C-alpha atoms as a PDB file:
ATOM      1  CA  UNK A   1      34.837 -34.408  26.430  1.00  0.00           C
ATOM      2  CA  UNK A   2      34.903 -32.323  29.467  1.00  0.00           C
ATOM      3  CA  UNK A   3      37.671 -33.065  31.832  1.00  0.00           C
ATOM      4  CA  UNK A   4      35.085 -34.643  34.497  1.00  0.00           C
ATOM      5  CA  UNK A   5      33.587 -37.263  32.080  1.00  0.00           C
ATOM      6  CA  UNK A   6      37.192 -38.265  30.809  1.00  0.00           C
ATOM      7  CA  UNK A   7      38.679 -38.712  34.287  1.00  0.00           C
ATOM      8  CA  UNK A   8      35.495 -40.895  34.945  1.00  0.00           C
ATOM      9  CA  UNK A   9      36.067 -43.083  31.915  1.00  0.00           C
ATOM     10  CA  UNK A  10      39.470 -43.414  32.492  1.00  0.00           C
ATOM     11  CA  UNK A  11      39.034 -44.915  36.404  1.00  0.00           C
ATOM     12  CA  UNK A  12      35.954 -47.017  35.239  1.00  0.00           C
ATOM     13  CA  UNK A  13      38.460 -48.465  32.247  1.00  0.00           C
ATOM     14  CA  UNK A  14      41.155 -48.951  35.409  1.00  0.00           C
ATOM     15  CA  UNK A  15      38.472 -50.811  37.581  1.00  0.00           C
ATOM     16  CA  UNK A  16      37.103 -52.933  34.469  1.00  0.00           C
ATOM     17  CA  UNK A  17      41.112 -53.892  33.801  1.00  0.00           C
ATOM     18  CA  UNK A  18      41.530 -54.631  37.614  1.00  0.00           C
ATOM     19  CA  UNK A  19      38.934 -56.876  37.560  1.00  0.00           C
ATOM     20  CA  UNK A  20      40.343 -59.247  34.753  1.00  0.00           C
ATOM     21  CA  UNK A  21      43.453 -59.091  35.968  1.00  0.00           C
ATOM     22  CA  UNK A  22      42.634 -59.951  39.472  1.00  0.00           C
ATOM     23  CA  UNK A  23      39.920 -61.797  39.357  1.00  0.00           C
ATOM     24  CA  UNK A  24      36.044 -61.575  39.050  1.00  0.00           C
ATOM     25  CA  UNK A  25      35.658 -61.163  42.973  1.00  0.00           C
ATOM     26  CA  UNK A  26      39.005 -59.890  43.551  1.00  0.00           C
ATOM     27  CA  UNK A  27      39.254 -55.640  44.815  1.00  0.00           C
ATOM     28  CA  UNK A  28      42.650 -54.177  46.112  1.00  0.00           C
ATOM     29  CA  UNK A  29      40.926 -54.020  49.760  1.00  0.00           C
ATOM     30  CA  UNK A  30      39.546 -58.135  48.894  1.00  0.00           C
ATOM     31  CA  UNK A  31      42.955 -59.608  47.187  1.00  0.00           C
ATOM     32  CA  UNK A  32      42.418 -63.278  45.307  1.00  0.00           C
ATOM     33  CA  UNK A  33      42.240 -66.237  48.096  1.00  0.00           C
ATOM     34  CA  UNK A  34      44.927 -68.107  49.396  1.00  0.00           C
ATOM     35  CA  UNK A  35      43.288 -71.051  47.356  1.00  0.00           C
ATOM     36  CA  UNK A  36      43.728 -69.464  44.061  1.00  0.00           C
ATOM     37  CA  UNK A  37      47.864 -69.713  44.411  1.00  0.00           C
ATOM     38  CA  UNK A  38      48.116 -73.605  45.668  1.00  0.00           C
ATOM     39  CA  UNK A  39      48.631 -75.298  42.387  1.00  0.00           C
ATOM     40  CA  UNK A  40      45.541 -77.426  43.256  1.00  0.00           C
ATOM     41  CA  UNK A  41      41.882 -77.147  41.918  1.00  0.00           C
ATOM     42  CA  UNK A  42      39.750 -76.493  45.028  1.00  0.00           C
ATOM     43  CA  UNK A  43      37.487 -73.742  46.264  1.00  0.00           C
ATOM     44  CA  UNK A  44      35.179 -72.616  43.435  1.00  0.00           C
ATOM     45  CA  UNK A  45      37.943 -72.839  40.566  1.00  0.00           C
ATOM     46  CA  UNK A  46      37.195 -74.584  37.382  1.00  0.00           C
ATOM     47  CA  UNK A  47      40.886 -75.443  36.573  1.00  0.00           C
ATOM     48  CA  UNK A  48      43.763 -75.539  38.854  1.00  0.00           C
ATOM     49  CA  UNK A  49      44.330 -72.611  40.552  1.00  0.00           C
ATOM     50  CA  UNK A  50      41.664 -69.783  37.561  1.00  0.00           C
ATOM     51  CA  UNK A  51      38.330 -69.425  37.268  1.00  0.00           C
ATOM     52  CA  UNK A  52      35.419 -68.840  39.902  1.00  0.00           C
ATOM     53  CA  UNK A  53      37.361 -66.162  42.239  1.00  0.00           C
ATOM     54  CA  UNK A  54      40.507 -66.695  40.904  1.00  0.00           C
ATOM     55  CA  UNK A  55      42.251 -65.540  38.035  1.00  0.00           C
ATOM     56  CA  UNK A  56      40.598 -65.730  34.582  1.00  0.00           C
ATOM     57  CA  UNK A  57      41.887 -69.430  32.934  1.00  0.00           C
ATOM     58  CA  UNK A  58      44.087 -69.150  29.725  1.00  0.00           C
ATOM     59  CA  UNK A  59      43.306 -71.005  26.738  1.00  0.00           C
ATOM     60  CA  UNK A  60      42.812 -74.809  27.179  1.00  0.00           C
ATOM     61  CA  UNK A  61      41.836 -74.858  30.505  1.00  0.00           C
ATOM     62  CA  UNK A  62      38.617 -75.816  31.984  1.00  0.00           C
ATOM     63  CA  UNK A  63      35.910 -73.233  32.358  1.00  0.00           C
ATOM     64  CA  UNK A  64      32.051 -73.792  33.865  1.00  0.00           C
ATOM     65  CA  UNK A  65      31.292 -70.322  31.779  1.00  0.00           C
ATOM     66  CA  UNK A  66      32.442 -67.570  29.893  1.00  0.00           C
ATOM     67  CA  UNK A  67      33.207 -65.722  33.015  1.00  0.00           C
ATOM     68  CA  UNK A  68      36.073 -68.432  33.776  1.00  0.00           C
ATOM     69  CA  UNK A  69      37.675 -67.190  30.689  1.00  0.00           C
ATOM     70  CA  UNK A  70      40.403 -64.404  29.731  1.00  0.00           C
ATOM     71  CA  UNK A  71      39.030 -64.053  26.046  1.00  0.00           C
ATOM     72  CA  UNK A  72      35.343 -64.504  27.459  1.00  0.00           C
ATOM     73  CA  UNK A  73      34.684 -67.774  25.516  1.00  0.00           C
ATOM     74  CA  UNK A  74      33.909 -71.268  27.113  1.00  0.00           C
ATOM     75  CA  UNK A  75      33.427 -73.781  24.350  1.00  0.00           C
ATOM     76  CA  UNK A  76      31.166 -76.609  24.162  1.00  0.00           C
ATOM     77  CA  UNK A  77      33.763 -78.931  25.900  1.00  0.00           C
ATOM     78  CA  UNK A  78      33.990 -76.511  28.505  1.00  0.00           C
ATOM     79  CA  UNK A  79      37.218 -75.173  27.941  1.00  0.00           C
ATOM     80  CA  UNK A  80      38.965 -71.884  27.219  1.00  0.00           C
ATOM     81  CA  UNK A  81      38.894 -70.579  23.903  1.00  0.00           C
ATOM     82  CA  UNK A  82      40.454 -67.458  22.144  1.00  0.00           C
ATOM     83  CA  UNK A  83      39.011 -64.516  21.153  1.00  0.00           C
ATOM     84  CA  UNK A  84      36.685 -65.214  17.768  1.00  0.00           C
ATOM     85  CA  UNK A  85      38.670 -63.967  14.334  1.00  0.00           C
END
């Protein structure tokens, strides 16, 4: 693997990691919205301060779809569940 390709892949991994940590609509230039840390379910959140434009929801929290969940799994009861075993 060439040096340039390796650096590009590392850069992509960092961007993907930042997306999961910061929320799908957040970037270093566009921080997470203030409603994502007010202890109230509001804005486009699926549960309190998670989902939508906020951080990803933990297991057991309410979700609208897989994009709201840390592990990418929103079950039939609309709750985030862990990764498949």
